[in-house]
């Protein structure tokens, strides 16, 4: 990658230009700055942007420090664990946790994501719904 910077500097300093400085004065530097700025964006800013906006491992809604886990069927997991609650949580806490998670994994909220993330969110939404139904006594 360092060779591109050297190329950009040599291009900016060379007398061979798209818009030579000797004909138009300082306006001829515009193409030089555009080239250097474009290379800087492509090799420095773009990778940082792509890295910052990469989806987290483990699917939609996973934290970066979380290990990806296999999705268990809804009936195999503790409903309190699915909703992220302690045992004996009040009905209001259950309802609040359900609404928060359902809003996060609702199919309409993840429709802009890729097919794989939509499927994961759909399974997770079903799991959250089953856990709420079990705790709410439906």
Protein backbone atom coordinates (compact mmCIF):
# COMPACT_ATOMS: atom_id res chain seq x y z
CA UNK A 1 0.00 0.00 0.00
CA UNK A 2 2.87 2.38 0.58
CA UNK A 3 3.64 2.28 -3.14
CA UNK A 4 0.35 4.01 -3.90
CA UNK A 5 1.31 6.90 -1.64
CA UNK A 6 4.66 7.17 -3.39
CA UNK A 7 2.89 7.09 -6.76
CA UNK A 8 0.49 9.83 -5.65
CA UNK A 9 3.33 12.06 -4.43
CA UNK A 10 5.34 11.49 -7.60
CA UNK A 11 2.28 12.25 -9.71
CA UNK A 12 1.64 15.47 -7.77
CA UNK A 13 5.25 16.57 -8.25
CA UNK A 14 5.66 15.45 -11.86
CA UNK A 15 5.42 17.90 -14.75
CA UNK A 16 3.13 15.44 -16.55
CA UNK A 17 -0.37 16.17 -15.31
CA UNK A 18 -3.97 15.92 -16.40
CA UNK A 19 -4.21 19.66 -15.83
CA UNK A 20 -0.66 21.10 -15.93
CA UNK A 21 0.09 23.90 -13.47
CA UNK A 22 2.10 25.87 -15.98
CA UNK A 23 -0.98 26.51 -18.15
CA UNK A 24 -3.61 27.32 -15.54
CA UNK A 25 -1.55 28.26 -12.49
CA UNK A 26 -2.67 27.01 -9.11
CA UNK A 27 -5.89 25.57 -10.51
CA UNK A 28 -3.73 22.81 -11.95
CA UNK A 29 -3.22 21.50 -8.42
CA UNK A 30 -6.88 20.48 -8.19
CA UNK A 31 -6.33 17.15 -9.96
CA UNK A 32 -3.31 16.48 -7.75
CA UNK A 33 -5.30 17.01 -4.57
CA UNK A 34 -8.19 14.94 -5.89
CA UNK A 35 -5.84 12.06 -6.64
CA UNK A 36 -4.15 12.20 -3.25
CA UNK A 37 -7.50 12.59 -1.47
CA UNK A 38 -9.00 9.69 -3.41
CA UNK A 39 -6.09 7.41 -2.59
CA UNK A 40 -6.22 8.44 1.06
CA UNK A 41 -9.94 7.68 1.21
CA UNK A 42 -9.58 4.34 -0.57
CA UNK A 43 -6.65 3.01 1.46
CA UNK A 44 -7.15 4.66 4.87
CA UNK A 45 -10.70 5.84 5.48
CA UNK A 46 -12.63 3.19 3.53
CA UNK A 47 -11.17 0.16 5.39
CA UNK A 48 -11.82 1.85 8.74
CA UNK A 49 -15.42 2.60 7.70
CA UNK A 50 -16.01 -0.95 6.45
CA UNK A 51 -14.54 -2.44 9.63
CA UNK A 52 -16.73 -0.22 11.83
CA UNK A 53 -19.91 -1.16 9.96
CA UNK A 54 -19.33 -4.89 9.64
CA UNK A 55 -22.19 -6.95 11.14
CA UNK A 56 -21.26 -8.57 14.45
CA UNK A 57 -20.47 -12.28 14.54
CA UNK A 58 -23.31 -14.50 15.67
CA UNK A 59 -26.08 -12.80 13.74
CA UNK A 60 -28.34 -9.81 14.21
CA UNK A 61 -28.24 -8.20 17.61
CA UNK A 62 -25.21 -10.11 18.87
CA UNK A 63 -22.60 -8.23 20.82
CA UNK A 64 -19.01 -8.28 19.61
CA UNK A 65 -17.70 -9.82 22.84
CA UNK A 66 -20.33 -12.59 22.71
CA UNK A 67 -19.42 -16.01 21.40
CA UNK A 68 -21.66 -17.11 18.55
CA UNK A 69 -23.93 -19.90 19.72
CA UNK A 70 -26.12 -22.39 17.98
CA UNK A 71 -29.78 -21.50 18.10
CA UNK A 72 -31.65 -23.88 20.36
CA UNK A 73 -35.32 -24.62 19.79
CA UNK A 74 -37.62 -22.42 21.86
CA UNK A 75 -38.84 -25.30 24.03
CA UNK A 76 -35.33 -26.28 25.16
CA UNK A 77 -34.41 -22.98 26.79
CA UNK A 78 -35.59 -21.38 29.98
CA UNK A 79 -38.12 -18.62 29.16
CA UNK A 80 -36.51 -16.28 31.69
CA UNK A 81 -33.14 -16.80 30.01
CA UNK A 82 -34.63 -16.12 26.57
CA UNK A 83 -36.05 -12.81 27.76
CA UNK A 84 -32.90 -12.00 29.75
CA UNK A 85 -34.70 -11.90 33.09
CA UNK A 86 -34.01 -13.24 36.56
CA UNK A 87 -36.35 -15.92 37.92
CA UNK A 88 -39.37 -14.48 39.64
CA UNK A 89 -39.51 -11.31 37.54
CA UNK A 90 -42.72 -9.34 37.81
CA UNK A 91 -45.37 -9.34 35.09
CA UNK A 92 -44.42 -5.75 34.23
CA UNK A 93 -40.72 -6.70 33.81
CA UNK A 94 -41.68 -9.67 31.62
CA UNK A 95 -43.87 -7.49 29.45
CA UNK A 96 -41.17 -4.80 29.15
CA UNK A 97 -38.44 -7.33 28.22
CA UNK A 98 -40.74 -9.00 25.71
CA UNK A 99 -41.65 -5.72 23.99
CA UNK A 100 -38.02 -4.60 23.85
CA UNK A 101 -36.78 -7.89 22.34
CA UNK A 102 -39.76 -8.28 20.02
CA UNK A 103 -39.17 -4.78 18.70
CA UNK A 104 -35.49 -5.60 18.10
CA UNK A 105 -36.08 -8.91 16.27
CA UNK A 106 -39.42 -8.18 14.58
CA UNK A 107 -39.39 -9.19 10.89
CA UNK A 108 -40.27 -5.64 9.81
CA UNK A 109 -37.25 -4.28 11.69
CA UNK A 110 -34.74 -6.62 9.98
CA UNK A 111 -36.19 -6.60 6.46
CA UNK A 112 -33.25 -4.49 5.22
CA UNK A 113 -30.70 -7.09 6.33
CA UNK A 114 -29.50 -10.09 4.36
CA UNK A 115 -31.49 -13.31 4.05
CA UNK A 116 -29.36 -15.12 6.65
CA UNK A 117 -29.89 -12.40 9.27
CA UNK A 118 -33.61 -12.31 8.54
CA UNK A 119 -33.85 -16.06 9.17
CA UNK A 120 -31.91 -15.78 12.43
CA UNK A 121 -34.09 -12.88 13.57
CA UNK A 122 -37.23 -14.82 12.61
CA UNK A 123 -36.17 -17.82 14.70
CA UNK A 124 -35.21 -15.56 17.59
CA UNK A 125 -38.56 -13.74 17.35
CA UNK A 126 -40.44 -17.05 17.53
CA UNK A 127 -38.31 -18.05 20.52
CA UNK A 128 -39.08 -14.75 22.28
CA UNK A 129 -42.81 -15.13 21.51
CA UNK A 130 -42.85 -18.70 22.91
CA UNK A 131 -41.01 -17.58 26.06
CA UNK A 132 -43.46 -14.73 26.62
CA UNK A 133 -46.44 -17.02 26.07
CA UNK A 134 -45.02 -19.49 28.62
CA UNK A 135 -44.42 -16.78 31.25
CA UNK A 136 -47.61 -14.83 30.63
CA UNK A 137 -49.66 -18.03 30.91
CA UNK A 138 -51.16 -17.92 27.43
